[in-house]
Amino acid sequence: MERVNPFRGLGIALVTPFNEDGSIDFTSLEKLTNDQIENGIDFLCVLGTTAETPCLTAKEKRAVMDCVLKVNNNRVPLLLGAGGNCTANVVEYLKNEDLSGFEGVLIVAPFYNKPSQEGLYQHFVTVAKNSPVPVVLYNVPGRTGVNIEAATTLRIANECPNVVAIKEASGKIGQIEDIVENAPKGFEVLSGDDAITFELLTIGAKGVISVIGNAYPKEFGCMVHSAIQADYTTALKLHRSFSAAYKLLSADGNPAGIKSLLAVQKKAANILRLPIVPARKQTYEALEDFVCKFQG
């Protein structure tokens, strides 16, 4: 079986907008989804970290999936966040959930229970062997408490032809470069951190699952596509135009930062679910200033 990664270029880690009463704002979700697609993004990541997925019920997750499926109407590939820290539960979900319309699943490293590298390997191999769609690994040690080492990633990639990529958010450039250099044919690296996406694209990454793209899909997409095409002068200029925003979006955590930015742009309300709270006033005001001055 030839390995093919359908998730390249600019992917968006889609937020979940909420109404004042805390319910999901499907009107805004529809508009955001359509806005991303019409502004040239390459794929959408549904129910990832940025979507506040841990705070959504199973019924709400299915409703978000159905909403995005309807709006997308097969225009771009859809990647579904479907990981967890119990291997058996992830496998059961993949076997029983209707994944029609989704081209792949994003599987995060198990969090909290901090498995060894052997445990990570066995977890991902078991999940991959039971997944009806391609798998993208997700390494984000700042959230999970464990790093998927390059050797483990490559071991999984070599054994599982349906594992097509890794979303790398470790910030370990040497580790990421090791994966790029030694990956089997068709296995690719996606950036999981907007701030270092330019650098990762210059060393062989094939795309990004972006947070800032929720607010600036066209402009950030231009940066990504320019870098992929080796137009580094254009890409670097655009990358630097986002420098202040990169810092502000992470100042009070994700998705507090991006929801503040979307609120400034009047694209979604600045409402989150506990334990996530809105960004501080000073961060919000700095984002207002960024939006006023931004020239992509």
Protein backbone atom coordinates (compact mmCIF):
# COMPACT_ATOMS: atom_id res chain seq x y z
CA MET A 1 0.00 0.00 0.00
CA GLU A 2 1.41 3.35 -1.03
CA ARG A 3 1.43 5.83 1.83
CA VAL A 4 -0.26 9.14 0.94
CA ASN A 5 -0.63 12.07 3.33
CA PRO A 6 -3.72 14.14 2.42
CA PHE A 7 -2.89 16.77 5.06
CA ARG A 8 -0.36 19.18 3.55
CA GLY A 9 -0.04 22.96 3.44
CA LEU A 10 -2.21 25.08 5.73
CA GLY A 11 -4.44 23.19 8.10
CA ILE A 12 -6.59 24.97 10.67
CA ALA A 13 -7.12 23.80 14.25
CA LEU A 14 -10.72 24.96 14.26
CA VAL A 15 -12.09 26.67 17.38
CA THR A 16 -15.50 25.92 18.88
CA PRO A 17 -17.45 29.20 19.25
CA PHE A 18 -19.87 29.47 22.17
CA ASN A 19 -22.99 31.55 22.84
CA GLU A 20 -23.51 33.68 25.96
CA ASP A 21 -25.33 30.79 27.63
CA GLY A 22 -22.37 28.49 27.03
CA SER A 23 -23.95 26.46 24.24
CA ILE A 24 -22.18 25.93 20.92
CA ASP A 25 -22.64 28.83 18.50
CA PHE A 26 -23.24 26.84 15.33
CA THR A 27 -23.93 29.97 13.27
CA SER A 28 -20.42 31.27 13.98
CA LEU A 29 -18.94 27.79 13.50
CA GLU A 30 -20.50 27.59 10.05
CA LYS A 31 -19.22 31.05 9.12
CA LEU A 32 -15.71 30.33 10.41
CA THR A 33 -15.55 27.02 8.57
CA ASN A 34 -16.69 28.55 5.32
CA ASP A 35 -14.34 31.52 5.77
CA GLN A 36 -11.36 29.19 6.12
CA ILE A 37 -12.22 27.25 2.98
CA GLU A 38 -12.99 30.32 0.87
CA ASN A 39 -9.66 31.85 1.87
CA GLY A 40 -7.65 28.96 0.50
CA ILE A 41 -6.80 26.72 3.43
CA ASP A 42 -5.78 23.17 2.52
CA PHE A 43 -7.44 21.13 5.26
CA LEU A 44 -9.33 21.46 8.54
CA CYS A 45 -8.58 19.83 11.89
CA VAL A 46 -11.84 19.29 13.79
CA LEU A 47 -12.02 18.63 17.55
CA GLY A 48 -8.38 19.28 18.35
CA THR A 49 -7.01 21.03 21.43
CA THR A 50 -8.01 24.47 20.11
CA ALA A 51 -11.62 23.28 19.90
CA GLU A 52 -11.77 22.86 23.71
CA THR A 53 -12.63 19.24 23.00
CA PRO A 54 -12.07 17.98 26.58
CA CYS A 55 -14.94 20.25 27.64
CA LEU A 56 -17.42 19.04 25.01
CA THR A 57 -19.89 16.21 25.57
CA ALA A 58 -20.00 13.25 23.19
CA LYS A 59 -23.24 14.63 21.74
CA GLU A 60 -21.69 18.05 21.19
CA LYS A 61 -18.63 16.54 19.50
CA ARG A 62 -20.85 14.69 17.06
CA ALA A 63 -22.83 17.88 16.40
CA VAL A 64 -19.60 19.79 15.64
CA MET A 65 -18.49 17.01 13.29
CA ASP A 66 -21.83 17.05 11.45
CA CYS A 67 -21.81 20.85 11.18
CA VAL A 68 -18.33 20.98 9.66
CA LEU A 69 -19.07 18.06 7.34
CA LYS A 70 -22.12 19.85 6.00
CA VAL A 71 -20.42 23.20 5.48
CA ASN A 72 -17.29 21.67 3.98
CA ASN A 73 -19.23 19.59 1.48
CA ASN A 74 -16.08 17.68 0.48
CA ARG A 75 -14.17 20.84 -0.47
CA VAL A 76 -11.07 20.18 1.68
CA PRO A 77 -9.78 17.14 3.60
CA LEU A 78 -10.97 16.87 7.21
CA LEU A 79 -8.79 15.58 10.05
CA LEU A 80 -10.56 14.51 13.23
CA GLY A 81 -9.05 14.71 16.71
CA ALA A 82 -9.72 11.30 18.22
CA GLY A 83 -6.95 10.56 20.72
CA GLY A 84 -7.04 9.67 24.40
CA ASN A 85 -5.00 8.14 27.19
CA CYS A 86 -6.73 4.75 27.22
CA THR A 87 -5.77 2.68 24.18
CA ALA A 88 -8.86 0.45 24.40
CA ASN A 89 -11.21 3.46 24.46
CA VAL A 90 -9.54 5.03 21.41
CA VAL A 91 -9.80 1.76 19.51
CA GLU A 92 -13.45 1.34 20.49
CA TYR A 93 -14.24 4.87 19.31
CA LEU A 94 -12.53 4.34 15.95
CA LYS A 95 -14.38 1.08 15.41
CA ASN A 96 -17.82 2.40 16.33
CA GLU A 97 -17.93 6.08 15.34
CA ASP A 98 -19.14 7.03 11.86
CA LEU A 99 -16.03 8.60 10.33
CA SER A 100 -17.58 9.13 6.90
CA GLY A 101 -16.25 12.34 5.36
CA PHE A 102 -13.08 12.40 7.45
CA GLU A 103 -9.84 11.59 5.64
CA GLY A 104 -7.89 10.87 8.80
CA VAL A 105 -7.64 11.01 12.59
CA LEU A 106 -5.24 12.98 14.77
CA ILE A 107 -4.06 10.82 17.67
CA VAL A 108 -2.33 12.63 20.53
CA ALA A 109 0.24 10.95 22.74
CA PRO A 110 -1.48 9.57 25.86
CA PHE A 111 -1.59 12.26 28.51
CA TYR A 112 -1.33 12.14 32.31
CA ASN A 113 -0.34 8.48 32.59
CA LYS A 114 3.04 9.22 30.90
CA PRO A 115 3.85 5.94 29.12
CA SER A 116 7.40 4.89 28.27
CA GLN A 117 8.66 5.00 24.67
CA GLU A 118 7.72 1.32 24.37
CA GLY A 119 4.26 2.13 25.70
CA LEU A 120 3.88 4.95 23.19
CA TYR A 121 4.98 2.65 20.39
CA GLN A 122 2.51 -0.07 21.33
CA HIS A 123 -0.31 2.45 21.82
CA PHE A 124 0.08 4.00 18.38
CA VAL A 125 0.60 0.68 16.59
CA THR A 126 -2.54 -0.74 18.20
CA VAL A 127 -4.55 2.36 17.28
CA ALA A 128 -3.21 2.40 13.72
CA LYS A 129 -4.02 -1.26 13.16
CA ASN A 130 -7.62 -0.60 14.21
CA SER A 131 -8.17 2.69 12.39
CA PRO A 132 -10.31 2.66 9.25
CA VAL A 133 -8.67 5.91 8.07
CA PRO A 134 -5.10 7.27 7.94
CA VAL A 135 -3.52 8.32 11.23
CA VAL A 136 -1.58 11.49 12.09
CA LEU A 137 0.46 11.29 15.29
CA TYR A 138 0.43 14.31 17.61
CA ASN A 139 3.42 15.08 19.78
CA VAL A 140 2.80 17.90 22.26
CA PRO A 141 4.81 17.16 25.42
CA GLY A 142 3.90 20.51 26.98
CA ARG A 143 0.34 19.20 27.32
CA THR A 144 0.81 15.44 27.60
CA GLY A 145 3.85 15.26 29.87
CA VAL A 146 5.68 12.87 27.53
CA ASN A 147 7.73 13.38 24.36
CA ILE A 148 7.54 10.99 21.43
CA GLU A 149 11.22 10.63 20.60
CA ALA A 150 12.32 10.62 16.96
CA ALA A 151 13.32 6.96 17.13
CA THR A 152 9.83 6.04 18.36
CA THR A 153 8.10 8.12 15.69
CA LEU A 154 10.22 6.51 12.97
CA ARG A 155 9.65 3.03 14.40
CA ILE A 156 5.88 3.57 14.25
CA ALA A 157 6.06 5.08 10.76
CA ASN A 158 8.10 2.18 9.43
CA GLU A 159 5.73 -0.44 10.86
CA CYS A 160 2.39 1.24 10.07
CA PRO A 161 1.84 2.34 6.45
CA ASN A 162 -1.45 4.04 7.37
CA VAL A 163 0.38 6.42 9.74
CA VAL A 164 0.97 9.25 7.29
CA ALA A 165 2.32 12.18 9.32
CA ILE A 166 3.15 13.63 12.70
CA LYS A 167 2.02 16.96 14.09
CA GLU A 168 5.17 18.04 15.92
CA ALA A 169 4.72 20.56 18.74
CA SER A 170 7.71 19.57 20.83
CA GLY A 171 9.76 22.59 19.77
CA LYS A 172 12.78 20.27 19.51
CA ILE A 173 14.20 21.29 16.14
CA GLY A 174 16.92 18.62 16.14
CA GLN A 175 14.36 15.91 16.87
CA ILE A 176 12.04 17.16 14.15
CA GLU A 177 14.86 17.35 11.61
CA ASP A 178 15.83 13.79 12.48
CA ILE A 179 12.29 12.67 11.61
CA VAL A 180 12.29 14.63 8.33
CA GLU A 181 15.64 13.19 7.28
CA ASN A 182 14.91 9.55 8.13
CA ALA A 183 11.18 9.18 7.50
CA PRO A 184 9.98 6.38 5.23
CA LYS A 185 8.51 7.38 1.89
CA GLY A 186 5.21 9.22 2.23
CA PHE A 187 5.50 9.93 5.97
CA GLU A 188 5.60 13.68 6.58
CA VAL A 189 6.00 16.26 9.34
CA LEU A 190 3.45 18.97 10.11
CA SER A 191 4.24 21.88 12.38
CA GLY A 192 2.17 22.11 15.53
CA ASP A 193 3.47 25.54 16.50
CA ASP A 194 2.75 28.63 14.40
CA ALA A 195 5.80 30.50 15.70
CA ILE A 196 8.30 28.00 14.30
CA THR A 197 6.36 26.91 11.21
CA PHE A 198 8.54 28.98 8.86
CA GLU A 199 11.69 27.34 10.21
CA LEU A 200 10.22 23.84 10.06
CA LEU A 201 9.07 24.33 6.46
CA THR A 202 12.61 25.31 5.47
CA ILE A 203 13.94 21.99 6.79
CA GLY A 204 11.36 19.81 5.09
CA ALA A 205 8.06 19.92 6.97
CA LYS A 206 5.10 19.78 4.59
CA GLY A 207 2.55 21.93 6.40
CA VAL A 208 1.08 23.13 9.67
CA ILE A 209 -2.00 22.66 11.83
CA SER A 210 -2.41 26.30 12.71
CA VAL A 211 -4.12 28.30 15.44
CA ILE A 212 -3.54 31.80 14.05
CA GLY A 213 -4.98 30.65 10.74
CA ASN A 214 -8.44 30.81 12.34
CA ALA A 215 -8.08 34.59 12.20
CA TYR A 216 -5.79 35.07 9.19
CA PRO A 217 -6.27 32.09 6.85
CA LYS A 218 -5.36 33.95 3.66
CA GLU A 219 -2.28 35.73 5.02
CA PHE A 220 -0.86 32.85 7.06
CA GLY A 221 -1.65 30.54 4.17
CA CYS A 222 0.42 32.77 1.88
CA MET A 223 3.35 32.42 4.28
CA VAL A 224 3.01 28.64 4.37
CA HIS A 225 2.61 28.21 0.63
CA SER A 226 5.48 30.60 -0.13
CA ALA A 227 7.80 28.65 2.17
CA ILE A 228 6.76 25.30 0.67
CA GLN A 229 7.52 26.74 -2.79
CA ALA A 230 10.96 27.88 -1.50
CA ASP A 231 10.06 31.57 -1.86
CA TYR A 232 11.71 32.23 1.47
CA THR A 233 11.93 36.01 1.02
CA THR A 234 8.15 36.36 0.83
CA ALA A 235 7.57 33.74 3.52
CA LEU A 236 10.00 35.32 5.97
CA LYS A 237 8.44 38.76 5.53
CA LEU A 238 4.99 37.36 6.26
CA HIS A 239 6.29 35.26 9.16
CA ARG A 240 7.78 38.35 10.79
CA SER A 241 4.55 40.28 10.33
CA PHE A 242 2.96 37.80 12.75
CA SER A 243 5.73 37.93 15.38
CA ALA A 244 3.76 39.99 17.91
CA ALA A 245 0.66 37.83 17.46
CA TYR A 246 2.56 34.58 18.06
CA LYS A 247 3.56 35.84 21.50
CA LEU A 248 0.15 37.28 22.36
CA LEU A 249 -1.76 34.14 21.38
CA SER A 250 0.29 32.06 23.82
CA ALA A 251 0.51 34.65 26.63
CA ASP A 252 -2.62 33.35 28.42
CA GLY A 253 -2.79 29.92 26.82
CA ASN A 254 -4.63 28.40 23.90
CA PRO A 255 -7.44 28.85 22.93
CA ALA A 256 -7.84 31.94 25.15
CA GLY A 257 -5.58 33.94 22.84
CA ILE A 258 -7.18 32.99 19.54
CA LYS A 259 -10.69 33.51 20.90
CA SER A 260 -9.69 37.03 21.96
CA LEU A 261 -8.31 37.67 18.48
CA LEU A 262 -11.48 36.34 16.83
CA ALA A 263 -13.55 38.54 19.15
CA VAL A 264 -11.53 41.60 18.11
CA GLN A 265 -12.24 40.67 14.50
CA LYS A 266 -15.93 40.11 15.38
CA LYS A 267 -15.81 36.56 14.06
CA ALA A 268 -16.71 34.80 17.33
CA ALA A 269 -17.54 35.70 20.92
CA ASN A 270 -14.79 35.70 23.55
CA ILE A 271 -16.42 32.88 25.51
CA LEU A 272 -14.68 29.75 26.77
CA ARG A 273 -15.50 26.82 29.03
CA LEU A 274 -13.88 26.29 32.39
CA PRO A 275 -11.18 25.57 33.27
CA ILE A 276 -10.13 27.82 30.34
CA VAL A 277 -10.85 31.51 30.95
CA PRO A 278 -10.56 34.54 28.64
CA ALA A 279 -7.22 36.22 28.11
CA ARG A 280 -6.29 39.13 30.36
CA LYS A 281 -7.41 42.64 29.51
CA GLN A 282 -3.87 43.71 28.62
CA THR A 283 -3.53 40.79 26.19
CA TYR A 284 -6.88 41.61 24.61
CA GLU A 285 -5.94 45.25 24.18
CA ALA A 286 -2.59 44.27 22.67
CA LEU A 287 -4.41 42.06 20.18
CA GLU A 288 -6.67 44.98 19.30
CA ASP A 289 -3.56 47.00 18.59
CA PHE A 290 -2.11 44.18 16.48
CA VAL A 291 -5.25 43.95 14.35
CA CYS A 292 -5.22 47.72 13.76
CA LYS A 293 -1.59 47.70 12.64
CA PHE A 294 -1.39 44.35 10.82
CA GLN A 295 -0.47 44.41 7.19
CA GLY A 296 -0.05 40.95 5.73
